[in-house]
N, C-alpha and C. Protein backbone atom coordinates (compact mmCIF):
# COMPACT_ATOMS: atom_id res chain seq x y z
N UNK A 1 -15.82 -26.12 88.90
CA UNK A 1 -16.24 -26.62 89.72
C UNK A 1 -17.47 -25.68 90.15
N UNK A 2 -19.01 -25.98 90.29
CA UNK A 2 -20.43 -25.29 90.46
C UNK A 2 -20.13 -25.51 91.84
N UNK A 3 -20.00 -24.31 92.12
CA UNK A 3 -20.89 -23.44 93.71
C UNK A 3 -22.09 -22.42 93.75
N UNK A 4 -22.91 -24.01 94.21
CA UNK A 4 -24.79 -23.21 94.18
C UNK A 4 -24.58 -22.45 95.41
N UNK A 5 -23.82 -21.66 96.12
CA UNK A 5 -24.10 -20.18 97.06
C UNK A 5 -23.86 -19.40 95.88
N UNK A 6 -23.20 -19.09 94.88
CA UNK A 6 -22.78 -18.28 94.23
C UNK A 6 -23.06 -18.47 92.92
N UNK A 7 -24.52 -19.48 92.35
CA UNK A 7 -24.73 -19.55 91.48
C UNK A 7 -25.39 -18.57 90.41
N UNK A 8 -25.59 -17.95 89.58
CA UNK A 8 -26.50 -17.08 89.19
C UNK A 8 -27.23 -17.68 87.98
N UNK A 9 -28.27 -17.32 87.35
CA UNK A 9 -29.51 -18.01 86.49
C UNK A 9 -28.61 -19.29 86.06
N UNK A 10 -29.93 -20.20 85.74
CA UNK A 10 -29.78 -21.12 84.51
C UNK A 10 -30.24 -20.52 83.44
N UNK A 11 -29.51 -20.67 82.45
CA UNK A 11 -30.59 -20.10 81.25
C UNK A 11 -29.81 -21.60 80.56
N UNK A 12 -30.72 -22.32 79.78
CA UNK A 12 -30.23 -22.94 79.31
C UNK A 12 -31.49 -23.20 77.22
N UNK A 13 -30.68 -22.34 76.79
CA UNK A 13 -31.44 -21.90 75.24
C UNK A 13 -30.72 -22.70 73.85
N UNK A 14 -32.03 -23.44 73.81
CA UNK A 14 -31.64 -24.63 72.66
C UNK A 14 -31.27 -23.78 71.23
N UNK A 15 -31.45 -22.70 70.71
CA UNK A 15 -31.49 -22.05 70.28
C UNK A 15 -29.73 -21.39 69.92
N UNK A 16 -29.99 -21.37 70.82
CA UNK A 16 -28.24 -20.91 71.66
C UNK A 16 -27.20 -21.98 71.60
N UNK A 17 -27.67 -22.77 71.56
CA UNK A 17 -26.76 -24.69 72.12
C UNK A 17 -26.94 -24.62 71.03
N UNK A 18 -27.76 -24.80 69.72
CA UNK A 18 -27.47 -24.82 68.48
C UNK A 18 -26.88 -24.40 67.69
N UNK A 19 -26.45 -22.48 67.89
CA UNK A 19 -26.00 -21.99 67.02
C UNK A 19 -24.18 -22.46 67.31
N UNK A 20 -23.84 -22.70 68.38
CA UNK A 20 -22.77 -23.20 68.48
C UNK A 20 -21.98 -24.41 68.63
N UNK A 21 -20.84 -24.39 68.45
CA UNK A 21 -20.52 -26.26 68.83
C UNK A 21 -20.84 -26.69 69.97
N UNK A 22 -21.21 -28.26 69.57
CA UNK A 22 -21.55 -29.11 71.11
C UNK A 22 -20.42 -29.45 71.20
N UNK A 23 -19.34 -29.59 72.36
CA UNK A 23 -18.52 -29.93 72.88
C UNK A 23 -18.30 -30.88 73.97
N UNK A 24 -17.66 -31.73 74.44
CA UNK A 24 -17.59 -32.03 76.17
C UNK A 24 -17.98 -31.48 77.09
N UNK A 25 -17.13 -30.01 76.90
CA UNK A 25 -17.21 -28.87 77.74
C UNK A 25 -18.97 -28.62 78.66
N UNK A 26 -19.44 -28.21 76.60
CA UNK A 26 -20.70 -27.83 76.43
C UNK A 26 -21.22 -29.19 78.22
N UNK A 27 -21.34 -30.35 77.24
CA UNK A 27 -22.38 -31.57 78.19
C UNK A 27 -21.39 -31.59 79.13
N UNK A 28 -21.15 -31.65 79.75
CA UNK A 28 -20.32 -31.76 81.26
C UNK A 28 -21.40 -30.48 81.79
N UNK A 29 -21.44 -29.38 81.36
CA UNK A 29 -21.83 -27.99 82.11
C UNK A 29 -23.26 -28.53 81.96
N UNK A 30 -23.90 -29.20 80.89
CA UNK A 30 -25.32 -29.46 80.91
C UNK A 30 -25.91 -30.77 82.19
N UNK A 31 -25.00 -31.48 82.20
CA UNK A 31 -25.25 -32.39 82.58
C UNK A 31 -25.14 -32.09 84.09
N UNK A 32 -24.53 -31.07 84.06
CA UNK A 32 -24.08 -30.31 85.98
C UNK A 32 -25.40 -29.67 86.54
N UNK A 33 -26.32 -29.16 84.90
CA UNK A 33 -27.61 -28.34 85.20
C UNK A 33 -28.05 -29.03 85.56
N UNK A 34 -28.60 -30.25 84.78
CA UNK A 34 -29.65 -30.73 84.92
C UNK A 34 -29.86 -31.50 86.64
N UNK A 35 -28.57 -32.25 86.69
CA UNK A 35 -28.10 -32.72 88.50
C UNK A 35 -28.65 -32.10 89.34
N UNK A 36 -28.33 -30.67 88.54
CA UNK A 36 -28.88 -29.28 90.03
C UNK A 36 -29.90 -29.19 89.89
N UNK A 37 -30.45 -29.76 88.66
CA UNK A 37 -32.10 -28.99 88.69
C UNK A 37 -32.96 -29.92 89.29
N UNK A 38 -32.66 -31.89 89.18
CA UNK A 38 -32.83 -32.28 90.04
C UNK A 38 -32.44 -32.46 91.73
N UNK A 39 -31.35 -32.21 92.03
CA UNK A 39 -31.15 -31.66 93.46
C UNK A 39 -32.49 -30.98 93.60
N UNK A 40 -32.72 -30.28 93.56
CA UNK A 40 -32.95 -29.26 94.03
C UNK A 40 -34.46 -29.62 94.06
N UNK A 41 -35.29 -30.32 92.78
CA UNK A 41 -36.31 -30.66 92.84
C UNK A 41 -36.79 -31.59 94.06
N UNK A 42 -35.81 -32.53 94.67
CA UNK A 42 -35.43 -33.63 95.42
C UNK A 42 -35.25 -32.49 96.81
N UNK A 43 -35.29 -30.86 97.23
CA UNK A 43 -34.67 -30.89 98.37
C UNK A 43 -33.43 -31.15 99.01
N UNK A 44 -32.78 -31.22 97.74
CA UNK A 44 -31.47 -31.15 98.27
C UNK A 44 -30.38 -30.29 98.01
N UNK A 45 -29.50 -29.46 98.33
CA UNK A 45 -29.25 -28.66 98.56
C UNK A 45 -29.78 -27.39 99.29
N UNK A 46 -29.71 -25.23 98.31
CA UNK A 46 -30.28 -25.04 99.10
C UNK A 46 -31.51 -24.76 97.78
N UNK A 47 -33.11 -24.36 98.53
CA UNK A 47 -33.84 -23.97 98.29
C UNK A 47 -34.39 -25.28 97.05
N UNK A 48 -35.55 -25.12 96.88
CA UNK A 48 -35.77 -25.80 96.12
C UNK A 48 -37.11 -25.51 95.02
N UNK A 49 -37.56 -26.50 94.22
CA UNK A 49 -38.98 -26.68 93.19
C UNK A 49 -38.12 -24.88 92.27
N UNK A 50 -38.82 -23.96 91.94
CA UNK A 50 -38.22 -23.76 89.97
C UNK A 50 -37.50 -22.38 90.25
N UNK A 51 -37.11 -22.24 91.94
CA UNK A 51 -36.04 -20.64 92.45
C UNK A 51 -35.20 -21.50 92.97
N UNK A 52 -33.98 -21.22 92.80
CA UNK A 52 -33.01 -22.13 93.82
C UNK A 52 -31.83 -21.30 94.42
N UNK A 53 -32.58 -21.03 95.71
CA UNK A 53 -31.76 -19.74 96.34
C UNK A 53 -31.38 -18.44 95.55
N UNK A 54 -31.63 -18.09 95.09
CA UNK A 54 -31.25 -16.76 94.53
C UNK A 54 -30.97 -17.23 92.89
N UNK A 55 -31.38 -18.46 92.64
CA UNK A 55 -31.13 -18.82 91.19
C UNK A 55 -32.59 -19.15 90.52
N UNK A 56 -32.17 -19.19 89.32
CA UNK A 56 -33.75 -19.48 88.65
C UNK A 56 -33.44 -20.29 87.55
N UNK A 57 -33.92 -21.11 86.22
CA UNK A 57 -34.39 -22.04 85.90
C UNK A 57 -34.59 -20.93 84.78
N UNK A 58 -33.89 -21.04 83.44
CA UNK A 58 -34.80 -20.59 82.46
C UNK A 58 -34.71 -21.35 81.50
N UNK A 59 -35.78 -21.94 80.42
CA UNK A 59 -35.41 -22.97 79.50
C UNK A 59 -35.84 -21.89 78.33
N UNK A 60 -35.14 -21.89 76.85
CA UNK A 60 -35.60 -21.32 76.19
C UNK A 60 -36.00 -22.42 74.88
N UNK A 61 -36.24 -22.20 73.41
CA UNK A 61 -35.95 -22.84 72.73
C UNK A 61 -37.31 -22.95 72.01
N UNK A 62 -37.54 -23.80 71.08
CA UNK A 62 -38.73 -23.98 70.27
C UNK A 62 -39.51 -24.46 71.78
N UNK A 63 -41.23 -24.82 71.24
CA UNK A 63 -41.86 -25.44 71.76
C UNK A 63 -41.79 -27.01 71.86
N UNK A 64 -41.19 -27.42 70.96
CA UNK A 64 -41.42 -29.12 71.18
C UNK A 64 -39.85 -29.40 71.53
N UNK A 65 -38.78 -28.22 72.09
CA UNK A 65 -38.00 -28.85 72.48
C UNK A 65 -38.05 -28.57 74.16
N UNK A 66 -38.60 -27.31 74.02
CA UNK A 66 -38.72 -27.12 75.83
C UNK A 66 -39.72 -28.32 76.57
N UNK A 67 -40.97 -28.64 76.38
CA UNK A 67 -41.39 -29.98 75.90
C UNK A 67 -41.04 -30.88 76.43
N UNK A 68 -40.02 -31.10 75.23
CA UNK A 68 -39.22 -32.26 75.11
C UNK A 68 -38.42 -32.50 76.60
N UNK A 69 -37.90 -31.54 76.93
CA UNK A 69 -36.72 -31.08 77.82
C UNK A 69 -37.23 -31.40 79.66
N UNK A 70 -39.14 -30.88 79.43
CA UNK A 70 -39.61 -30.94 80.51
C UNK A 70 -40.22 -32.40 80.92
N UNK A 71 -40.25 -33.21 79.36
CA UNK A 71 -40.64 -34.29 80.19
C UNK A 71 -39.67 -34.72 80.39
N UNK A 72 -38.62 -35.43 79.70
CA UNK A 72 -37.50 -36.32 79.83
C UNK A 72 -37.01 -35.67 81.41
N UNK A 73 -36.89 -34.58 81.88
CA UNK A 73 -36.84 -34.24 83.31
C UNK A 73 -38.15 -34.49 84.27
N UNK A 74 -38.75 -34.96 84.02
CA UNK A 74 -40.17 -34.85 84.87
C UNK A 74 -39.73 -36.71 84.62
N UNK A 75 -39.64 -37.20 83.85
CA UNK A 75 -39.95 -38.73 83.58
C UNK A 75 -38.28 -39.17 84.68
N UNK A 76 -37.10 -38.26 84.73
CA UNK A 76 -36.07 -38.75 85.08
C UNK A 76 -36.31 -38.56 86.58
N UNK A 77 -37.17 -37.52 87.64
CA UNK A 77 -37.58 -37.38 88.39
C UNK A 77 -38.57 -38.81 89.09
N UNK A 78 -39.31 -39.22 87.89
CA UNK A 78 -40.70 -40.08 88.21
C UNK A 78 -39.07 -41.95 88.06
N UNK A 79 -38.66 -41.32 87.81
CA UNK A 79 -37.89 -42.71 87.59
C UNK A 79 -37.35 -43.36 89.02
N UNK A 80 -36.18 -41.96 89.18
CA UNK A 80 -35.61 -41.83 90.55
C UNK A 80 -35.99 -42.12 91.75
N UNK A 81 -37.93 -41.53 91.73
CA UNK A 81 -39.03 -41.25 92.93
C UNK A 81 -38.93 -43.00 92.80
N UNK A 82 -39.51 -44.01 91.85
CA UNK A 82 -39.75 -45.30 92.19
C UNK A 82 -38.75 -46.59 92.63
N UNK A 83 -37.58 -45.67 91.89
CA UNK A 83 -35.95 -46.36 92.45
C UNK A 83 -35.81 -46.67 94.29
N UNK A 84 -36.08 -45.73 94.96
CA UNK A 84 -36.09 -45.16 95.67
C UNK A 84 -37.23 -46.13 96.58
N UNK A 85 -38.13 -45.78 96.29
CA UNK A 85 -39.28 -46.17 97.27
C UNK A 85 -39.69 -47.91 96.98
N UNK A 86 -39.25 -48.31 95.65
CA UNK A 86 -39.38 -49.59 95.24
C UNK A 86 -38.31 -50.48 94.82
N UNK A 87 -37.05 -50.25 94.67
CA UNK A 87 -36.11 -50.70 94.64
C UNK A 87 -36.02 -51.03 93.40
N UNK A 88 -34.75 -51.73 92.44
CA UNK A 88 -34.78 -51.97 90.77
C UNK A 88 -35.90 -52.89 90.45
N UNK A 89 -36.35 -54.08 91.09
CA UNK A 89 -36.67 -54.89 90.15
C UNK A 89 -38.02 -55.31 90.07
N UNK A 90 -38.50 -53.95 90.86
CA UNK A 90 -40.26 -53.91 90.81
C UNK A 90 -40.48 -53.09 89.67
N UNK A 91 -42.25 -54.07 89.09
CA UNK A 91 -42.48 -53.62 87.98
C UNK A 91 -42.87 -51.86 87.33
N UNK A 92 -43.19 -51.30 88.71
CA UNK A 92 -43.17 -49.61 88.47
C UNK A 92 -42.20 -49.07 88.00
N UNK A 93 -41.19 -49.55 88.82
CA UNK A 93 -39.76 -49.27 88.55
C UNK A 93 -39.68 -49.18 86.56
N UNK A 94 -40.28 -50.84 86.53
CA UNK A 94 -39.06 -51.16 85.23
C UNK A 94 -40.47 -49.60 83.84
N UNK A 95 -41.51 -50.34 84.23
CA UNK A 95 -42.06 -49.33 83.60
C UNK A 95 -41.88 -47.73 83.63
N UNK A 96 -41.52 -47.02 84.78
CA UNK A 96 -40.89 -45.42 84.87
C UNK A 96 -39.48 -45.45 83.69
N UNK A 97 -38.73 -46.67 83.78
CA UNK A 97 -37.40 -46.60 83.04
C UNK A 97 -38.15 -46.78 81.29
N UNK A 98 -38.84 -47.27 81.07
CA UNK A 98 -39.64 -47.55 79.80
C UNK A 98 -39.85 -45.53 78.97
N UNK A 99 -40.26 -45.69 80.02
CA UNK A 99 -40.83 -44.09 79.95
C UNK A 99 -39.67 -43.18 79.51
N UNK A 100 -39.06 -43.30 80.93
CA UNK A 100 -37.96 -42.29 80.36
C UNK A 100 -37.05 -42.53 79.63
N UNK A 101 -37.20 -43.70 79.23
CA UNK A 101 -36.01 -44.45 77.78
C UNK A 101 -37.04 -43.22 76.71
N UNK A 102 -38.14 -43.64 76.99
CA UNK A 102 -39.06 -43.32 75.33
C UNK A 102 -38.46 -41.88 75.08
N UNK A 103 -38.86 -40.54 77.05
CA UNK A 103 -38.96 -39.47 76.56
C UNK A 103 -37.85 -38.93 76.07
N UNK A 104 -35.96 -39.37 76.50
CA UNK A 104 -34.92 -39.23 76.49
C UNK A 104 -34.80 -39.03 74.93
N UNK A 105 -35.07 -40.17 74.06
CA UNK A 105 -34.96 -40.75 72.57
C UNK A 105 -35.55 -39.40 71.69
N UNK A 106 -36.72 -39.10 72.50
CA UNK A 106 -37.42 -37.50 72.38
C UNK A 106 -36.86 -36.82 72.48
N UNK A 107 -36.08 -36.30 73.59
CA UNK A 107 -35.57 -35.15 73.82
C UNK A 107 -34.24 -34.79 72.51
N UNK A 108 -33.62 -36.02 72.58
CA UNK A 108 -32.37 -36.62 72.02
C UNK A 108 -33.08 -36.07 70.43
N UNK A 109 -33.47 -36.71 70.07
CA UNK A 109 -34.22 -36.32 68.15
C UNK A 109 -34.73 -34.76 67.94
N UNK A 110 -35.38 -34.23 69.29
CA UNK A 110 -35.89 -32.93 68.98
C UNK A 110 -34.87 -32.07 69.01
N UNK A 111 -33.86 -32.54 70.33
CA UNK A 111 -32.82 -30.56 70.45
C UNK A 111 -31.20 -31.23 69.18
N UNK A 112 -31.53 -32.40 69.79
CA UNK A 112 -30.22 -32.83 68.65
C UNK A 112 -28.69 -32.54 69.86
N UNK A 113 -29.39 -32.97 71.64
CA UNK A 113 -28.08 -32.75 72.90
C UNK A 113 -28.25 -34.59 73.07
N UNK A 114 -27.66 -34.40 73.52
CA UNK A 114 -27.81 -35.98 74.73
C UNK A 114 -27.89 -35.78 75.41
N UNK A 115 -28.93 -36.71 75.50
CA UNK A 115 -29.50 -36.89 77.45
C UNK A 115 -28.56 -37.27 78.24
N UNK A 116 -27.69 -36.54 79.33
CA UNK A 116 -26.67 -36.72 80.35
C UNK A 116 -26.87 -37.90 80.96
N UNK A 117 -27.73 -39.27 81.26
CA UNK A 117 -27.56 -39.71 82.16
C UNK A 117 -28.49 -40.89 81.48
N UNK A 118 -27.79 -41.89 81.96
CA UNK A 118 -28.06 -43.19 81.14
C UNK A 118 -28.39 -44.47 81.73
């Protein structure tokens, strides 16, 4: 279980990930990291923004990997915000979902890692 009060730095290193075997345990951890980042972005939990209550988030990899991760994360945030503001049936939400799907496909193609949310 992830204890946010005692959480160290979150380091997502795509080079290290490529060198190690991708398994369910890693994918679950990756999903939890992304969830934590999104929760903190929305001001849930301790801290917000890029500094996480004593913990920081660092993303390492090729320029394309970091860019794809940031794009997918940003589009995930925009989609969640649109759903909260407009509900699922609004055309703005549909548009945001299409952009998110495109960013997720680019992330998966670039990194070889499945995006943790669908």
